Amino acid sequence: MSRALFVILIGLGGAAILIGLGIWQVQRLAWKEGVLADINARIEAPAQALPDRPDPETDAYLPVEVTGTLEGATLRVLVSQKDEGAGYRLISAMDTGARRILVDRGFIPTAADMPGLPQGAVTVTGNLQWPQETDSFTPEPDRAANIWFARDVQTMAETLDTEPVLVVARAVSWNAAPVTPLPVDTARIPNDHLQYAITWFSLAAIWLAMSFYFLRRRAKIES
């Protein structure tokens, strides 16, 4: 086999592999956009009553409306907002009369004073969520300072004596200021497949260009 033929085969074979990877990422992009569209449709659906036995798999993002009394301690989860900087999500217990659940009331800046709980029965419209925010690198909560580093639904439920069910507020029936609700959305779900596809297609173009360069260089040397 001549060296020129070898370079051609390597060039075309490598480019085919890279283009194939790019096409695969385009297919993954279409799949991910379908998943996000489905999640957004679930988030924006009309609110319904809280299920008797919410399931983290089938009921994730389910829109619900709950009424009850917010009571007890409020847990602070350290977060950062793009336009606000550092702050806390406020997690409180709600007693609906028949059950106790967790409510994510929203965000306050770190410099803000801890707001009191509204008095009497209130209504929260939001979405069920079991966020996966903990891993082996997540620090344990600083219970003395009341600073948590992730929304660990199970541990928070044990701390506030509630069911492991979290409703993330979208709208509330009282003046929530200075708390700003942080509704559930898909902004934090990664979708980098377009960038990956562009990378693979770019590498394929570079691979072909380099193969062509070597062929031309060899032809000049042999001429």
N, C-alpha and C. Protein backbone atom coordinates (compact mmCIF):
# COMPACT_ATOMS: atom_id res chain seq x y z
N MET A 1 0.85 -1.20 0.00
CA MET A 1 0.00 0.00 0.00
C MET A 1 0.88 1.25 0.00
N SER A 2 0.61 2.18 -0.93
CA SER A 2 1.39 3.41 -0.99
C SER A 2 1.09 4.30 0.20
N ARG A 3 2.04 5.18 0.50
CA ARG A 3 1.82 6.09 1.63
C ARG A 3 0.67 7.04 1.35
N ALA A 4 0.53 7.46 0.10
CA ALA A 4 -0.56 8.37 -0.23
C ALA A 4 -1.91 7.70 0.02
N LEU A 5 -2.05 6.44 -0.37
CA LEU A 5 -3.30 5.73 -0.15
C LEU A 5 -3.56 5.54 1.34
N PHE A 6 -2.48 5.29 2.08
CA PHE A 6 -2.60 5.12 3.53
C PHE A 6 -3.13 6.41 4.17
N VAL A 7 -2.56 7.56 3.75
CA VAL A 7 -3.01 8.85 4.30
C VAL A 7 -4.47 9.10 3.94
N ILE A 8 -4.86 8.76 2.72
CA ILE A 8 -6.26 8.94 2.30
C ILE A 8 -7.19 8.09 3.15
N LEU A 9 -6.82 6.84 3.36
CA LEU A 9 -7.68 5.97 4.17
C LEU A 9 -7.78 6.45 5.61
N ILE A 10 -6.64 6.85 6.18
CA ILE A 10 -6.66 7.35 7.55
C ILE A 10 -7.48 8.64 7.63
N GLY A 11 -7.30 9.52 6.64
CA GLY A 11 -8.03 10.78 6.63
C GLY A 11 -9.52 10.57 6.55
N LEU A 12 -9.95 9.75 5.59
CA LEU A 12 -11.39 9.50 5.42
C LEU A 12 -11.97 8.71 6.58
N GLY A 13 -11.21 7.72 7.07
CA GLY A 13 -11.70 6.91 8.19
C GLY A 13 -11.85 7.74 9.46
N GLY A 14 -10.84 8.55 9.77
CA GLY A 14 -10.91 9.39 10.96
C GLY A 14 -12.04 10.41 10.85
N ALA A 15 -12.17 11.02 9.67
CA ALA A 15 -13.24 12.01 9.48
C ALA A 15 -14.61 11.34 9.61
N ALA A 16 -14.76 10.12 9.10
CA ALA A 16 -16.04 9.42 9.20
C ALA A 16 -16.42 9.18 10.65
N ILE A 17 -15.42 8.78 11.46
CA ILE A 17 -15.68 8.55 12.88
C ILE A 17 -16.10 9.84 13.57
N LEU A 18 -15.38 10.94 13.30
CA LEU A 18 -15.69 12.22 13.94
C LEU A 18 -17.06 12.75 13.49
N ILE A 19 -17.36 12.59 12.20
CA ILE A 19 -18.68 13.02 11.71
C ILE A 19 -19.78 12.17 12.34
N GLY A 20 -19.51 10.87 12.49
CA GLY A 20 -20.50 10.00 13.14
C GLY A 20 -20.78 10.44 14.56
N LEU A 21 -19.73 10.83 15.29
CA LEU A 21 -19.91 11.32 16.66
C LEU A 21 -20.72 12.62 16.66
N GLY A 22 -20.47 13.47 15.67
CA GLY A 22 -21.22 14.72 15.57
C GLY A 22 -22.70 14.45 15.30
N ILE A 23 -22.98 13.51 14.39
CA ILE A 23 -24.37 13.16 14.09
C ILE A 23 -25.05 12.57 15.32
N TRP A 24 -24.32 11.76 16.06
CA TRP A 24 -24.88 11.19 17.30
C TRP A 24 -25.25 12.29 18.29
N GLN A 25 -24.42 13.33 18.40
CA GLN A 25 -24.73 14.44 19.31
C GLN A 25 -25.94 15.23 18.82
N VAL A 26 -26.10 15.35 17.50
CA VAL A 26 -27.30 16.01 16.97
C VAL A 26 -28.54 15.22 17.35
N GLN A 27 -28.45 13.90 17.27
CA GLN A 27 -29.57 13.06 17.66
C GLN A 27 -29.85 13.18 19.16
N ARG A 28 -28.78 13.25 19.96
CA ARG A 28 -28.94 13.44 21.40
C ARG A 28 -29.55 14.81 21.70
N LEU A 29 -29.20 15.81 20.91
CA LEU A 29 -29.78 17.14 21.09
C LEU A 29 -31.29 17.11 20.88
N ALA A 30 -31.73 16.44 19.83
CA ALA A 30 -33.17 16.33 19.58
C ALA A 30 -33.87 15.60 20.73
N TRP A 31 -33.22 14.54 21.22
CA TRP A 31 -33.80 13.80 22.35
C TRP A 31 -33.89 14.68 23.59
N LYS A 32 -32.82 15.42 23.92
CA LYS A 32 -32.81 16.25 25.12
C LYS A 32 -33.83 17.37 25.01
N GLU A 33 -33.97 17.97 23.82
CA GLU A 33 -34.97 19.02 23.65
C GLU A 33 -36.37 18.48 23.85
N GLY A 34 -36.61 17.22 23.44
CA GLY A 34 -37.90 16.60 23.68
C GLY A 34 -38.15 16.39 25.16
N VAL A 35 -37.11 15.96 25.89
CA VAL A 35 -37.23 15.76 27.33
C VAL A 35 -37.54 17.09 28.03
N LEU A 36 -36.81 18.15 27.65
CA LEU A 36 -37.03 19.45 28.27
C LEU A 36 -38.43 19.99 27.95
N ALA A 37 -38.89 19.76 26.73
CA ALA A 37 -40.23 20.21 26.36
C ALA A 37 -41.28 19.49 27.20
N ASP A 38 -41.06 18.19 27.45
CA ASP A 38 -42.00 17.42 28.27
C ASP A 38 -41.99 17.93 29.70
N ILE A 39 -40.80 18.21 30.24
CA ILE A 39 -40.71 18.72 31.61
C ILE A 39 -41.39 20.09 31.72
N ASN A 40 -41.14 20.96 30.74
CA ASN A 40 -41.77 22.28 30.77
C ASN A 40 -43.29 22.17 30.71
N ALA A 41 -43.78 21.24 29.91
CA ALA A 41 -45.23 21.05 29.84
C ALA A 41 -45.79 20.60 31.18
N ARG A 42 -45.06 19.73 31.87
CA ARG A 42 -45.49 19.27 33.20
C ARG A 42 -45.47 20.42 34.20
N ILE A 43 -44.41 21.23 34.15
CA ILE A 43 -44.28 22.34 35.10
C ILE A 43 -45.42 23.33 34.95
N GLU A 44 -45.81 23.61 33.71
CA GLU A 44 -46.79 24.66 33.43
C GLU A 44 -48.23 24.16 33.40
N ALA A 45 -48.45 22.88 33.67
CA ALA A 45 -49.81 22.34 33.68
C ALA A 45 -50.61 22.93 34.85
N PRO A 46 -51.93 22.88 34.81
CA PRO A 46 -52.75 23.39 35.91
C PRO A 46 -52.42 22.67 37.22
N ALA A 47 -52.43 23.44 38.30
CA ALA A 47 -52.13 22.86 39.61
C ALA A 47 -53.26 21.95 40.06
N GLN A 48 -52.90 20.91 40.79
CA GLN A 48 -53.87 19.96 41.32
C GLN A 48 -53.60 19.70 42.78
N ALA A 49 -54.45 18.91 43.39
CA ALA A 49 -54.26 18.58 44.80
C ALA A 49 -53.03 17.71 44.98
N LEU A 50 -52.43 17.82 46.14
CA LEU A 50 -51.25 17.02 46.45
C LEU A 50 -51.62 15.54 46.49
N PRO A 51 -50.92 14.68 45.74
CA PRO A 51 -51.23 13.24 45.77
C PRO A 51 -51.06 12.65 47.17
N ASP A 52 -51.78 11.58 47.44
CA ASP A 52 -51.66 10.93 48.75
C ASP A 52 -50.26 10.38 48.98
N ARG A 53 -49.70 9.80 47.93
CA ARG A 53 -48.36 9.21 48.03
C ARG A 53 -47.51 9.70 46.86
N PRO A 54 -46.98 10.90 46.95
CA PRO A 54 -46.17 11.41 45.84
C PRO A 54 -44.96 10.54 45.58
N ASP A 55 -44.69 10.29 44.31
CA ASP A 55 -43.56 9.45 43.91
C ASP A 55 -42.49 10.32 43.26
N PRO A 56 -41.24 10.22 43.73
CA PRO A 56 -40.17 11.06 43.17
C PRO A 56 -39.94 10.87 41.67
N GLU A 57 -40.30 9.72 41.14
CA GLU A 57 -40.10 9.48 39.71
C GLU A 57 -41.27 9.99 38.89
N THR A 58 -42.47 9.54 39.22
CA THR A 58 -43.64 9.87 38.38
C THR A 58 -44.22 11.24 38.69
N ASP A 59 -43.98 11.77 39.89
CA ASP A 59 -44.59 13.05 40.28
C ASP A 59 -43.61 14.22 40.30
N ALA A 60 -42.37 14.00 39.84
CA ALA A 60 -41.41 15.11 39.77
C ALA A 60 -41.95 16.19 38.85
N TYR A 61 -41.88 17.43 39.30
CA TYR A 61 -42.34 18.63 38.58
C TYR A 61 -43.87 18.79 38.58
N LEU A 62 -44.61 17.89 39.24
CA LEU A 62 -46.07 17.98 39.23
C LEU A 62 -46.53 19.29 39.86
N PRO A 63 -47.39 20.08 39.17
CA PRO A 63 -47.90 21.32 39.75
C PRO A 63 -48.98 20.99 40.79
N VAL A 64 -48.85 21.58 41.97
CA VAL A 64 -49.81 21.32 43.04
C VAL A 64 -50.18 22.63 43.73
N GLU A 65 -51.29 22.59 44.45
CA GLU A 65 -51.70 23.71 45.30
C GLU A 65 -51.99 23.14 46.67
N VAL A 66 -51.35 23.72 47.68
CA VAL A 66 -51.51 23.22 49.05
C VAL A 66 -51.87 24.39 49.96
N THR A 67 -52.69 24.11 50.95
CA THR A 67 -53.11 25.12 51.92
C THR A 67 -52.85 24.59 53.32
N GLY A 68 -52.30 25.44 54.16
CA GLY A 68 -52.00 25.03 55.52
C GLY A 68 -51.31 26.15 56.27
N THR A 69 -50.70 25.80 57.38
CA THR A 69 -50.02 26.76 58.23
C THR A 69 -48.53 26.49 58.21
N LEU A 70 -47.75 27.52 57.90
CA LEU A 70 -46.29 27.41 57.98
C LEU A 70 -45.87 27.59 59.43
N GLU A 71 -45.05 26.68 59.91
CA GLU A 71 -44.75 26.71 61.34
C GLU A 71 -43.36 26.14 61.60
N GLY A 72 -42.88 26.41 62.81
CA GLY A 72 -41.61 25.87 63.25
C GLY A 72 -40.41 26.61 62.70
N ALA A 73 -39.26 25.95 62.76
CA ALA A 73 -38.01 26.55 62.29
C ALA A 73 -38.00 26.62 60.77
N THR A 74 -37.21 27.56 60.25
CA THR A 74 -36.99 27.68 58.81
C THR A 74 -35.53 27.37 58.52
N LEU A 75 -35.28 26.47 57.60
CA LEU A 75 -33.93 26.09 57.23
C LEU A 75 -33.43 26.99 56.10
N ARG A 76 -32.17 27.35 56.16
CA ARG A 76 -31.57 28.22 55.13
C ARG A 76 -30.58 27.40 54.30
N VAL A 77 -30.79 27.41 52.98
CA VAL A 77 -29.90 26.70 52.05
C VAL A 77 -29.10 27.72 51.26
N LEU A 78 -27.79 27.67 51.39
CA LEU A 78 -26.91 28.64 50.73
C LEU A 78 -26.94 28.44 49.21
N VAL A 79 -27.27 29.52 48.48
CA VAL A 79 -27.32 29.46 47.02
C VAL A 79 -26.77 30.77 46.47
N SER A 80 -26.63 30.84 45.16
CA SER A 80 -26.19 32.06 44.50
C SER A 80 -27.09 32.32 43.31
N GLN A 81 -27.56 33.56 43.19
CA GLN A 81 -28.38 33.98 42.07
C GLN A 81 -27.58 34.93 41.19
N LYS A 82 -27.73 34.79 39.88
CA LYS A 82 -26.92 35.55 38.92
C LYS A 82 -27.01 37.05 39.15
N ASP A 83 -28.20 37.57 39.36
CA ASP A 83 -28.38 39.02 39.50
C ASP A 83 -28.39 39.49 40.94
N GLU A 84 -28.45 38.55 41.89
CA GLU A 84 -28.57 38.92 43.29
C GLU A 84 -27.33 38.61 44.12
N GLY A 85 -26.53 37.66 43.66
CA GLY A 85 -25.39 37.24 44.46
C GLY A 85 -25.78 36.13 45.42
N ALA A 86 -25.03 36.04 46.51
CA ALA A 86 -25.24 34.97 47.48
C ALA A 86 -26.51 35.23 48.30
N GLY A 87 -27.14 34.13 48.68
CA GLY A 87 -28.34 34.24 49.50
C GLY A 87 -28.76 32.88 50.00
N TYR A 88 -29.98 32.80 50.48
CA TYR A 88 -30.50 31.55 51.04
C TYR A 88 -31.86 31.21 50.44
N ARG A 89 -32.08 29.94 50.18
CA ARG A 89 -33.43 29.42 49.99
C ARG A 89 -34.00 29.14 51.38
N LEU A 90 -35.26 29.48 51.57
CA LEU A 90 -35.89 29.25 52.87
C LEU A 90 -36.83 28.06 52.77
N ILE A 91 -36.58 27.05 53.60
CA ILE A 91 -37.38 25.83 53.62
C ILE A 91 -38.12 25.76 54.94
N SER A 92 -39.46 25.71 54.86
CA SER A 92 -40.30 25.67 56.07
C SER A 92 -41.22 24.47 56.01
N ALA A 93 -41.74 24.11 57.18
CA ALA A 93 -42.72 23.04 57.27
C ALA A 93 -44.12 23.63 57.15
N MET A 94 -45.00 22.92 56.42
CA MET A 94 -46.41 23.31 56.33
C MET A 94 -47.27 22.19 56.90
N ASP A 95 -48.16 22.58 57.82
CA ASP A 95 -49.13 21.65 58.38
C ASP A 95 -50.45 21.88 57.66
N THR A 96 -50.88 20.91 56.86
CA THR A 96 -52.13 21.05 56.10
C THR A 96 -53.34 20.59 56.90
N GLY A 97 -53.10 20.11 58.12
CA GLY A 97 -54.17 19.54 58.93
C GLY A 97 -54.16 18.03 58.87
N ALA A 98 -53.89 17.49 57.70
CA ALA A 98 -53.85 16.03 57.54
C ALA A 98 -52.42 15.52 57.43
N ARG A 99 -51.48 16.40 57.10
CA ARG A 99 -50.10 15.97 56.89
C ARG A 99 -49.17 17.17 57.00
N ARG A 100 -47.89 16.87 57.12
CA ARG A 100 -46.86 17.92 57.18
C ARG A 100 -45.89 17.71 56.02
N ILE A 101 -45.62 18.77 55.27
CA ILE A 101 -44.73 18.70 54.12
C ILE A 101 -43.74 19.86 54.18
N LEU A 102 -42.79 19.84 53.27
CA LEU A 102 -41.80 20.92 53.16
C LEU A 102 -42.23 21.90 52.08
N VAL A 103 -41.97 23.19 52.31
CA VAL A 103 -42.23 24.22 51.32
C VAL A 103 -40.96 25.03 51.12
N ASP A 104 -40.52 25.14 49.86
CA ASP A 104 -39.41 26.02 49.49
C ASP A 104 -40.03 27.38 49.19
N ARG A 105 -39.89 28.32 50.15
CA ARG A 105 -40.57 29.61 50.03
C ARG A 105 -39.88 30.54 49.04
N GLY A 106 -38.57 30.37 48.81
CA GLY A 106 -37.86 31.23 47.87
C GLY A 106 -36.56 31.75 48.44
N PHE A 107 -36.11 32.87 47.88
CA PHE A 107 -34.74 33.38 48.07
C PHE A 107 -34.73 34.69 48.84
N ILE A 108 -33.74 34.83 49.73
CA ILE A 108 -33.43 36.12 50.33
C ILE A 108 -31.92 36.32 50.25
N PRO A 109 -31.42 37.57 50.09
CA PRO A 109 -29.97 37.82 50.10
C PRO A 109 -29.41 37.52 51.49
N THR A 110 -28.12 37.23 51.52
CA THR A 110 -27.49 36.90 52.80
C THR A 110 -27.56 38.07 53.78
N ALA A 111 -27.60 39.31 53.28
CA ALA A 111 -27.63 40.47 54.16
C ALA A 111 -29.02 40.74 54.73
N ALA A 112 -30.04 40.10 54.17
CA ALA A 112 -31.41 40.36 54.63
C ALA A 112 -31.68 39.66 55.96
N ASP A 113 -32.54 40.28 56.78
CA ASP A 113 -32.96 39.64 58.02
C ASP A 113 -33.90 38.48 57.70
N MET A 114 -33.87 37.48 58.55
CA MET A 114 -34.77 36.35 58.36
C MET A 114 -36.21 36.80 58.56
N PRO A 115 -37.04 36.69 57.53
CA PRO A 115 -38.43 37.12 57.68
C PRO A 115 -39.23 36.13 58.50
N GLY A 116 -40.25 36.64 59.19
CA GLY A 116 -41.11 35.77 59.96
C GLY A 116 -42.06 34.99 59.07
N LEU A 117 -42.71 34.00 59.64
CA LEU A 117 -43.68 33.20 58.90
C LEU A 117 -45.03 33.92 58.87
N PRO A 118 -45.78 33.78 57.79
CA PRO A 118 -47.12 34.36 57.74
C PRO A 118 -48.02 33.70 58.77
N GLN A 119 -48.95 34.46 59.28
CA GLN A 119 -49.85 33.95 60.31
C GLN A 119 -51.10 33.35 59.68
N GLY A 120 -51.58 32.26 60.26
CA GLY A 120 -52.80 31.64 59.79
C GLY A 120 -52.60 30.80 58.55
N ALA A 121 -53.72 30.35 57.99
CA ALA A 121 -53.68 29.48 56.82
C ALA A 121 -53.25 30.25 55.59
N VAL A 122 -52.39 29.66 54.80
CA VAL A 122 -51.90 30.25 53.55
C VAL A 122 -51.96 29.20 52.46
N THR A 123 -51.91 29.67 51.22
CA THR A 123 -51.94 28.76 50.07
C THR A 123 -50.68 28.95 49.25
N VAL A 124 -50.07 27.84 48.87
CA VAL A 124 -48.87 27.83 48.04
C VAL A 124 -49.17 27.06 46.76
N THR A 125 -48.89 27.68 45.64
CA THR A 125 -48.97 27.01 44.35
C THR A 125 -47.55 26.82 43.84
N GLY A 126 -47.21 25.61 43.50
CA GLY A 126 -45.84 25.34 43.06
C GLY A 126 -45.71 23.97 42.45
N ASN A 127 -44.51 23.44 42.50
CA ASN A 127 -44.23 22.14 41.86
C ASN A 127 -43.50 21.23 42.83
N LEU A 128 -43.84 19.96 42.77
CA LEU A 128 -43.10 18.98 43.55
C LEU A 128 -41.71 18.80 42.96
N GLN A 129 -40.75 18.65 43.85
CA GLN A 129 -39.38 18.43 43.38
C GLN A 129 -38.59 17.68 44.43
N TRP A 130 -37.76 16.77 43.96
CA TRP A 130 -36.80 16.06 44.81
C TRP A 130 -35.42 16.34 44.22
N PRO A 131 -34.86 17.52 44.45
CA PRO A 131 -33.61 17.91 43.79
C PRO A 131 -32.45 17.00 44.18
N GLN A 132 -31.63 16.68 43.19
CA GLN A 132 -30.43 15.87 43.42
C GLN A 132 -29.23 16.82 43.54
N GLU A 133 -29.07 17.38 44.71
CA GLU A 133 -28.05 18.41 44.91
C GLU A 133 -26.89 17.96 45.79
N THR A 134 -26.95 16.75 46.30
CA THR A 134 -25.89 16.29 47.19
C THR A 134 -25.03 15.24 46.51
N ASP A 135 -23.75 15.25 46.85
CA ASP A 135 -22.82 14.20 46.43
C ASP A 135 -21.78 14.05 47.52
N SER A 136 -20.74 13.29 47.22
CA SER A 136 -19.74 13.00 48.26
C SER A 136 -18.95 14.24 48.67
N PHE A 137 -19.03 15.33 47.87
CA PHE A 137 -18.28 16.54 48.20
C PHE A 137 -19.15 17.58 48.93
N THR A 138 -20.44 17.32 49.08
CA THR A 138 -21.33 18.28 49.73
C THR A 138 -21.06 18.30 51.23
N PRO A 139 -20.74 19.47 51.80
CA PRO A 139 -20.50 19.53 53.25
C PRO A 139 -21.77 19.21 54.04
N GLU A 140 -21.58 18.72 55.23
CA GLU A 140 -22.70 18.52 56.13
C GLU A 140 -23.26 19.90 56.53
N PRO A 141 -24.56 19.98 56.76
CA PRO A 141 -25.13 21.27 57.16
C PRO A 141 -24.55 21.77 58.47
N ASP A 142 -24.37 23.08 58.53
CA ASP A 142 -23.94 23.73 59.78
C ASP A 142 -25.21 24.04 60.56
N ARG A 143 -25.62 23.10 61.39
CA ARG A 143 -26.89 23.23 62.09
C ARG A 143 -26.84 24.36 63.12
N ALA A 144 -25.68 24.61 63.71
CA ALA A 144 -25.59 25.68 64.70
C ALA A 144 -25.85 27.04 64.06
N ALA A 145 -25.33 27.24 62.85
CA ALA A 145 -25.53 28.51 62.14
C ALA A 145 -26.75 28.47 61.23
N ASN A 146 -27.42 27.31 61.17
CA ASN A 146 -28.58 27.11 60.30
C ASN A 146 -28.22 27.43 58.84
N ILE A 147 -27.16 26.80 58.35
CA ILE A 147 -26.75 26.94 56.95
C ILE A 147 -26.63 25.54 56.35
N TRP A 148 -27.44 25.30 55.34
CA TRP A 148 -27.39 24.05 54.59
C TRP A 148 -26.76 24.34 53.23
N PHE A 149 -26.15 23.32 52.66
CA PHE A 149 -25.43 23.51 51.40
C PHE A 149 -26.11 22.80 50.22
N ALA A 150 -27.25 22.20 50.48
CA ALA A 150 -28.03 21.54 49.43
C ALA A 150 -29.41 21.25 50.00
N ARG A 151 -30.38 21.10 49.09
CA ARG A 151 -31.73 20.73 49.52
C ARG A 151 -31.80 19.20 49.57
N ASP A 152 -31.45 18.67 50.72
CA ASP A 152 -31.54 17.23 50.96
C ASP A 152 -32.91 16.96 51.55
N VAL A 153 -33.86 16.58 50.70
CA VAL A 153 -35.25 16.49 51.12
C VAL A 153 -35.43 15.52 52.28
N GLN A 154 -34.80 14.37 52.22
CA GLN A 154 -34.97 13.36 53.26
C GLN A 154 -34.47 13.88 54.61
N THR A 155 -33.26 14.45 54.62
CA THR A 155 -32.69 14.93 55.88
C THR A 155 -33.46 16.13 56.41
N MET A 156 -33.88 17.02 55.52
CA MET A 156 -34.66 18.18 55.96
C MET A 156 -36.01 17.75 56.53
N ALA A 157 -36.61 16.74 55.91
CA ALA A 157 -37.88 16.24 56.42
C ALA A 157 -37.72 15.67 57.82
N GLU A 158 -36.64 14.95 58.04
CA GLU A 158 -36.39 14.42 59.38
C GLU A 158 -36.15 15.55 60.37
N THR A 159 -35.47 16.61 59.94
CA THR A 159 -35.17 17.73 60.84
C THR A 159 -36.43 18.49 61.23
N LEU A 160 -37.35 18.69 60.26
CA LEU A 160 -38.55 19.47 60.52
C LEU A 160 -39.77 18.58 60.80
N ASP A 161 -39.55 17.27 60.89
CA ASP A 161 -40.63 16.33 61.21
C ASP A 161 -41.76 16.42 60.19
N THR A 162 -41.42 16.23 58.92
CA THR A 162 -42.41 16.26 57.86
C THR A 162 -42.25 15.02 56.97
N GLU A 163 -43.17 14.86 56.03
CA GLU A 163 -42.97 13.88 54.98
C GLU A 163 -41.83 14.36 54.07
N PRO A 164 -41.14 13.43 53.40
CA PRO A 164 -40.09 13.83 52.46
C PRO A 164 -40.69 14.30 51.14
N VAL A 165 -41.48 15.36 51.22
CA VAL A 165 -42.19 15.94 50.07
C VAL A 165 -41.92 17.43 50.07
N LEU A 166 -41.40 17.95 48.96
CA LEU A 166 -41.05 19.37 48.86
C LEU A 166 -41.87 20.03 47.76
N VAL A 167 -42.57 21.11 48.12
CA VAL A 167 -43.27 21.94 47.15
C VAL A 167 -42.46 23.22 46.98
N VAL A 168 -41.99 23.48 45.76
CA VAL A 168 -41.23 24.69 45.46
C VAL A 168 -42.23 25.75 45.02
N ALA A 169 -42.33 26.83 45.79
CA ALA A 169 -43.35 27.84 45.56
C ALA A 169 -43.16 28.55 44.23
N ARG A 170 -44.26 28.74 43.52
CA ARG A 170 -44.31 29.58 42.33
C ARG A 170 -45.13 30.84 42.62
N ALA A 171 -46.18 30.68 43.40
CA ALA A 171 -47.02 31.80 43.81
C ALA A 171 -47.54 31.51 45.21
N VAL A 172 -47.73 32.57 46.00
CA VAL A 172 -48.21 32.41 47.38
C VAL A 172 -49.36 33.38 47.62
N SER A 173 -50.14 33.11 48.66
CA SER A 173 -51.35 33.89 48.92
C SER A 173 -51.11 35.07 49.85
N TRP A 174 -49.84 35.30 50.22
CA TRP A 174 -49.54 36.40 51.12
C TRP A 174 -48.42 37.24 50.51
N ASN A 175 -48.18 38.39 51.10
CA ASN A 175 -47.08 39.24 50.66
C ASN A 175 -45.77 38.59 51.12
N ALA A 176 -45.05 37.99 50.19
CA ALA A 176 -43.88 37.20 50.55
C ALA A 176 -42.62 38.03 50.80
N ALA A 177 -42.63 39.33 50.45
CA ALA A 177 -41.44 40.16 50.56
C ALA A 177 -40.85 40.06 51.98
N PRO A 178 -39.51 40.01 52.09
CA PRO A 178 -38.50 40.15 51.03
C PRO A 178 -38.12 38.83 50.35
N VAL A 179 -38.91 37.78 50.55
CA VAL A 179 -38.61 36.49 49.94
C VAL A 179 -39.09 36.50 48.49
N THR A 180 -38.21 36.08 47.58
CA THR A 180 -38.55 35.99 46.16
C THR A 180 -38.66 34.52 45.77
N PRO A 181 -39.86 34.06 45.38
CA PRO A 181 -39.97 32.65 44.96
C PRO A 181 -39.00 32.32 43.83
N LEU A 182 -38.44 31.13 43.90
CA LEU A 182 -37.57 30.62 42.84
C LEU A 182 -38.26 29.39 42.24
N PRO A 183 -39.16 29.61 41.29
CA PRO A 183 -39.95 28.49 40.76
C PRO A 183 -39.08 27.44 40.08
N VAL A 184 -39.60 26.24 40.02
CA VAL A 184 -38.94 25.16 39.30
C VAL A 184 -38.91 25.49 37.81
N ASP A 185 -37.76 25.29 37.19
CA ASP A 185 -37.65 25.43 35.73
C ASP A 185 -36.58 24.47 35.23
N THR A 186 -36.30 24.54 33.94
CA THR A 186 -35.33 23.61 33.34
C THR A 186 -33.98 24.28 33.08
N ALA A 187 -33.78 25.50 33.61
CA ALA A 187 -32.57 26.24 33.28
C ALA A 187 -31.30 25.52 33.74
N ARG A 188 -31.40 24.77 34.82
CA ARG A 188 -30.22 24.12 35.37
C ARG A 188 -30.00 22.71 34.83
N ILE A 189 -30.89 22.24 33.97
CA ILE A 189 -30.70 20.92 33.36
C ILE A 189 -29.74 21.08 32.19
N PRO A 190 -28.58 20.45 32.22
CA PRO A 190 -27.59 20.68 31.16
C PRO A 190 -28.06 20.17 29.80
N ASN A 191 -27.75 20.96 28.77
CA ASN A 191 -28.05 20.55 27.39
C ASN A 191 -26.92 21.09 26.51
N ASP A 192 -25.80 20.37 26.52
CA ASP A 192 -24.59 20.82 25.81
C ASP A 192 -24.37 20.07 24.50
N HIS A 193 -25.37 19.36 24.03
CA HIS A 193 -25.16 18.50 22.86
C HIS A 193 -24.85 19.29 21.59
N LEU A 194 -25.40 20.50 21.45
CA LEU A 194 -25.08 21.31 20.28
C LEU A 194 -23.61 21.68 20.26
N GLN A 195 -23.07 22.09 21.41
CA GLN A 195 -21.64 22.42 21.48
C GLN A 195 -20.78 21.19 21.18
N TYR A 196 -21.20 20.02 21.70
CA TYR A 196 -20.45 18.80 21.43
C TYR A 196 -20.48 18.48 19.94
N ALA A 197 -21.64 18.63 19.30
CA ALA A 197 -21.76 18.35 17.87
C ALA A 197 -20.85 19.27 17.06
N ILE A 198 -20.86 20.56 17.40
CA ILE A 198 -20.00 21.52 16.70
C ILE A 198 -18.53 21.14 16.87
N THR A 199 -18.17 20.70 18.07
CA THR A 199 -16.78 20.29 18.33
C THR A 199 -16.38 19.11 17.44
N TRP A 200 -17.24 18.07 17.38
CA TRP A 200 -16.90 16.89 16.57
C TRP A 200 -16.83 17.22 15.09
N PHE A 201 -17.78 18.03 14.60
CA PHE A 201 -17.75 18.41 13.18
C PHE A 201 -16.52 19.27 12.88
N SER A 202 -16.14 20.13 13.80
CA SER A 202 -14.94 20.96 13.61
C SER A 202 -13.68 20.10 13.57
N LEU A 203 -13.61 19.12 14.46
CA LEU A 203 -12.47 18.21 14.46
C LEU A 203 -12.41 17.42 13.15
N ALA A 204 -13.57 17.03 12.63
CA ALA A 204 -13.60 16.31 11.34
C ALA A 204 -13.05 17.18 10.23
N ALA A 205 -13.45 18.46 10.22
CA ALA A 205 -12.95 19.38 9.19
C ALA A 205 -11.44 19.57 9.32
N ILE A 206 -10.96 19.70 10.55
CA ILE A 206 -9.52 19.86 10.77
C ILE A 206 -8.77 18.60 10.33
N TRP A 207 -9.35 17.44 10.67
CA TRP A 207 -8.72 16.16 10.30
C TRP A 207 -8.58 16.05 8.78
N LEU A 208 -9.65 16.41 8.06
CA LEU A 208 -9.60 16.35 6.60
C LEU A 208 -8.61 17.36 6.04
N ALA A 209 -8.58 18.56 6.64
CA ALA A 209 -7.66 19.60 6.17
C ALA A 209 -6.21 19.15 6.37
N MET A 210 -5.92 18.55 7.51
CA MET A 210 -4.57 18.08 7.78
C MET A 210 -4.19 16.93 6.84
N SER A 211 -5.14 16.05 6.57
CA SER A 211 -4.86 14.95 5.64
C SER A 211 -4.56 15.50 4.25
N PHE A 212 -5.34 16.47 3.80
CA PHE A 212 -5.10 17.10 2.50
C PHE A 212 -3.75 17.80 2.46
N TYR A 213 -3.38 18.43 3.58
CA TYR A 213 -2.09 19.11 3.65
C TYR A 213 -0.94 18.11 3.50
N PHE A 214 -1.04 16.97 4.21
CA PHE A 214 0.02 15.97 4.11
C PHE A 214 0.12 15.40 2.69
N LEU A 215 -1.02 15.20 2.04
CA LEU A 215 -1.00 14.70 0.67
C LEU A 215 -0.33 15.69 -0.27
N ARG A 216 -0.67 16.96 -0.14
CA ARG A 216 -0.08 17.98 -1.01
C ARG A 216 1.42 18.11 -0.73
N ARG A 217 1.79 18.06 0.53
CA ARG A 217 3.20 18.18 0.88
C ARG A 217 3.99 17.01 0.30
N ARG A 218 3.43 15.81 0.38
CA ARG A 218 4.12 14.64 -0.13
C ARG A 218 4.24 14.72 -1.65
N ALA A 219 3.16 15.21 -2.28
CA ALA A 219 3.20 15.32 -3.73
C ALA A 219 4.27 16.30 -4.18
N LYS A 220 4.45 17.41 -3.44
CA LYS A 220 5.50 18.37 -3.80
C LYS A 220 6.88 17.77 -3.61
N ILE A 221 7.04 16.95 -2.54
CA ILE A 221 8.35 16.34 -2.28
C ILE A 221 8.70 15.34 -3.39
N GLU A 222 7.69 14.60 -3.85
CA GLU A 222 7.94 13.57 -4.85
C GLU A 222 8.04 14.14 -6.26
N SER A 223 7.57 15.37 -6.45
CA SER A 223 7.61 15.95 -7.81
C SER A 223 8.97 16.58 -8.11
